[in-house]
């Protein structure tokens, strides 16, 4: 079991809460993983005033993965470059939110991440992504959906491998 911080989901249990779904799934990772839930960073030089990352997953040696979780039905319109959640535009876009937060973590951690590959991923635990998902600024290996809940160890392992390949 992964080391979770906090060790228990801090909100009212709700089986329809997308973050709770992912929290309980990440708990199943091997014990060399450390997972932080809803981690906030404030006052980091050259970063937004405050950012929050849904999950930070560290494998204990080579990768740090920042996860942005969005529930409901998620879609992306390539022509307008607009993300939608249950038909409503998402602002900020989840990829922009995840990227900004991850850059804040990198600034905050500094040299401590010198030997660690760092990137972000999006997880949509209540819908399926299309098989032909193509968004130029996204690695398809780093866009996770409800099917990825079935084998969280394999899912996170593949994401971590993609991060190491991208940022050796």
Protein backbone atom coordinates (compact mmCIF):
# COMPACT_ATOMS: atom_id res chain seq x y z
CA UNK A 1 0.00 0.00 0.00
CA UNK A 2 1.24 3.47 -0.90
CA UNK A 3 2.05 5.96 1.84
CA UNK A 4 -0.80 8.47 1.61
CA UNK A 5 -0.74 12.01 2.96
CA UNK A 6 -3.22 12.49 4.47
CA UNK A 7 -3.67 8.79 5.26
CA UNK A 8 -7.48 9.00 5.12
CA UNK A 9 -9.56 10.86 2.56
CA UNK A 10 -10.31 14.16 4.34
CA UNK A 11 -13.77 14.83 2.91
CA UNK A 12 -17.16 13.24 3.45
CA UNK A 13 -17.14 9.81 1.79
CA UNK A 14 -18.95 9.96 -1.53
CA UNK A 15 -18.54 7.14 -4.07
CA UNK A 16 -19.29 9.67 -6.84
CA UNK A 17 -16.50 12.06 -5.80
CA UNK A 18 -13.86 11.79 -8.57
CA UNK A 19 -11.01 12.72 -6.25
CA UNK A 20 -12.09 10.09 -3.71
CA UNK A 21 -12.23 7.51 -6.51
CA UNK A 22 -8.64 8.31 -7.50
CA UNK A 23 -7.50 8.58 -3.85
CA UNK A 24 -8.75 5.07 -3.09
CA UNK A 25 -7.24 3.77 -6.30
CA UNK A 26 -3.80 5.31 -5.65
CA UNK A 27 -3.82 3.78 -2.17
CA UNK A 28 -3.31 0.42 -3.93
CA UNK A 29 0.09 1.42 -5.33
CA UNK A 30 3.12 -0.43 -3.98
CA UNK A 31 4.58 0.72 -0.68
CA UNK A 32 7.53 2.46 -2.33
CA UNK A 33 5.11 5.12 -3.61
CA UNK A 34 4.35 8.30 -1.68
CA UNK A 35 1.12 10.09 -2.58
CA UNK A 36 0.14 13.59 -1.47
CA UNK A 37 -3.47 14.63 -1.87
CA UNK A 38 -4.61 18.22 -2.41
CA UNK A 39 -1.18 19.71 -1.86
CA UNK A 40 -1.08 23.51 -1.86
CA UNK A 41 1.91 25.69 -2.65
CA UNK A 42 1.85 29.38 -1.78
CA UNK A 43 4.41 32.14 -2.14
CA UNK A 44 6.78 30.30 -4.46
CA UNK A 45 9.02 32.78 -6.25
CA UNK A 46 8.15 33.34 -9.93
CA UNK A 47 4.94 31.31 -9.64
CA UNK A 48 1.22 31.96 -9.22
CA UNK A 49 0.29 33.24 -5.76
CA UNK A 50 -1.19 29.88 -4.79
CA UNK A 51 -1.64 26.58 -6.60
CA UNK A 52 -3.20 23.29 -5.59
CA UNK A 53 -2.31 19.92 -7.04
CA UNK A 54 -4.87 17.16 -6.71
CA UNK A 55 -2.25 14.41 -6.35
CA UNK A 56 1.52 14.23 -6.30
CA UNK A 57 2.77 10.69 -6.84
CA UNK A 58 6.45 9.95 -6.14
CA UNK A 59 7.76 6.48 -6.89
CA UNK A 60 10.56 6.81 -4.34
CA UNK A 61 13.40 7.13 -6.82
CA UNK A 62 12.93 8.33 -10.40
CA UNK A 63 9.61 10.10 -11.07
CA UNK A 64 7.31 12.67 -9.59
CA UNK A 65 3.92 12.84 -11.28
CA UNK A 66 1.41 15.63 -10.63
CA UNK A 67 -2.17 14.56 -11.33
CA UNK A 68 -5.08 16.85 -12.12
CA UNK A 69 -8.41 15.07 -11.63
CA UNK A 70 -11.66 16.16 -13.27
CA UNK A 71 -14.95 14.35 -12.79
CA UNK A 72 -18.00 13.97 -14.96
CA UNK A 73 -17.94 13.74 -18.72
CA UNK A 74 -14.89 15.52 -20.09
CA UNK A 75 -14.54 16.56 -23.71
CA UNK A 76 -12.14 18.60 -25.79
CA UNK A 77 -12.95 20.64 -28.89
CA UNK A 78 -9.80 20.81 -30.99
CA UNK A 79 -11.09 23.62 -33.20
CA UNK A 80 -11.76 26.00 -30.32
CA UNK A 81 -9.22 24.40 -27.94
CA UNK A 82 -11.87 24.35 -25.20
CA UNK A 83 -12.17 21.66 -22.54
CA UNK A 84 -15.67 20.95 -21.26
CA UNK A 85 -16.95 19.22 -18.16
CA UNK A 86 -20.54 17.96 -18.51
CA UNK A 87 -20.92 20.36 -21.45
CA UNK A 88 -19.63 23.44 -19.58
CA UNK A 89 -16.30 25.12 -20.44
CA UNK A 90 -13.50 24.46 -17.95
CA UNK A 91 -11.53 27.53 -16.87
CA UNK A 92 -8.70 27.19 -16.48
CA UNK A 93 -8.21 24.29 -18.85
CA UNK A 94 -7.06 21.18 -16.95
CA UNK A 95 -3.80 20.94 -18.90
CA UNK A 96 -2.99 24.59 -18.15
CA UNK A 97 -3.87 24.10 -14.48
CA UNK A 98 -1.73 20.95 -14.22
CA UNK A 99 1.23 22.47 -16.08
CA UNK A 100 1.23 25.64 -13.97
CA UNK A 101 1.03 23.70 -10.73
CA UNK A 102 3.81 21.32 -11.78
CA UNK A 103 6.13 24.22 -12.64
CA UNK A 104 5.45 25.59 -9.16
CA UNK A 105 6.48 22.27 -7.61
CA UNK A 106 9.67 22.26 -9.67
CA UNK A 107 10.50 25.81 -8.52
CA UNK A 108 9.69 24.93 -4.91
CA UNK A 109 11.74 21.71 -4.84
CA UNK A 110 14.67 23.10 -6.84
CA UNK A 111 17.82 21.01 -6.76
CA UNK A 112 16.09 18.23 -4.80
CA UNK A 113 14.57 17.16 -8.13
CA UNK A 114 17.87 17.11 -10.02
CA UNK A 115 17.79 13.30 -10.44
CA UNK A 116 13.99 13.00 -10.73
CA UNK A 117 11.86 13.12 -13.88
CA UNK A 118 8.84 15.38 -13.30
CA UNK A 119 5.68 15.89 -15.33
CA UNK A 120 1.92 16.09 -15.03
CA UNK A 121 -1.01 13.96 -16.13
CA UNK A 122 -4.77 14.37 -16.36
CA UNK A 123 -7.14 11.78 -14.91
CA UNK A 124 -10.81 11.64 -15.83
CA UNK A 125 -12.09 8.78 -13.63
CA UNK A 126 -15.76 9.03 -14.62
CA UNK A 127 -15.52 8.85 -18.40
CA UNK A 128 -13.56 7.23 -21.22
CA UNK A 129 -11.22 9.10 -23.50
CA UNK A 130 -11.61 8.51 -27.23
CA UNK A 131 -9.15 6.00 -28.69
CA UNK A 132 -8.04 8.59 -31.23
CA UNK A 133 -7.41 11.38 -28.70
CA UNK A 134 -4.94 13.79 -30.28
CA UNK A 135 -4.10 17.03 -28.53
CA UNK A 136 -0.72 18.39 -29.66
CA UNK A 137 0.41 19.53 -26.22
CA UNK A 138 -0.60 16.29 -24.46
CA UNK A 139 1.13 12.94 -24.36
CA UNK A 140 -1.71 10.38 -24.72
CA UNK A 141 0.05 8.20 -22.11
CA UNK A 142 -0.54 11.01 -19.61
CA UNK A 143 -4.29 11.29 -20.14
CA UNK A 144 -5.97 8.71 -17.92
CA UNK A 145 -9.62 7.69 -17.77
CA UNK A 146 -12.00 5.34 -15.95
CA UNK A 147 -10.44 2.25 -17.53
CA UNK A 148 -7.12 3.14 -15.92
CA UNK A 149 -8.65 2.60 -12.47
CA UNK A 150 -8.69 -1.17 -13.09
CA UNK A 151 -4.90 -1.55 -12.86
CA UNK A 152 -3.55 1.46 -11.02
CA UNK A 153 -0.05 -0.01 -10.63
CA UNK A 154 0.19 -0.59 -14.40
CA UNK A 155 -1.40 2.78 -15.18
CA UNK A 156 0.95 4.78 -12.98
CA UNK A 157 3.89 2.66 -14.12
CA UNK A 158 3.16 3.44 -17.79
CA UNK A 159 2.74 7.13 -16.98
CA UNK A 160 6.02 7.14 -15.06
CA UNK A 161 7.78 5.40 -17.95
CA UNK A 162 6.43 8.06 -20.35
CA UNK A 163 7.74 10.80 -18.04
CA UNK A 164 11.20 9.22 -17.82
CA UNK A 165 11.31 8.80 -21.60
CA UNK A 166 10.32 12.44 -22.07
CA UNK A 167 12.58 13.83 -19.32
CA UNK A 168 15.45 11.40 -18.70
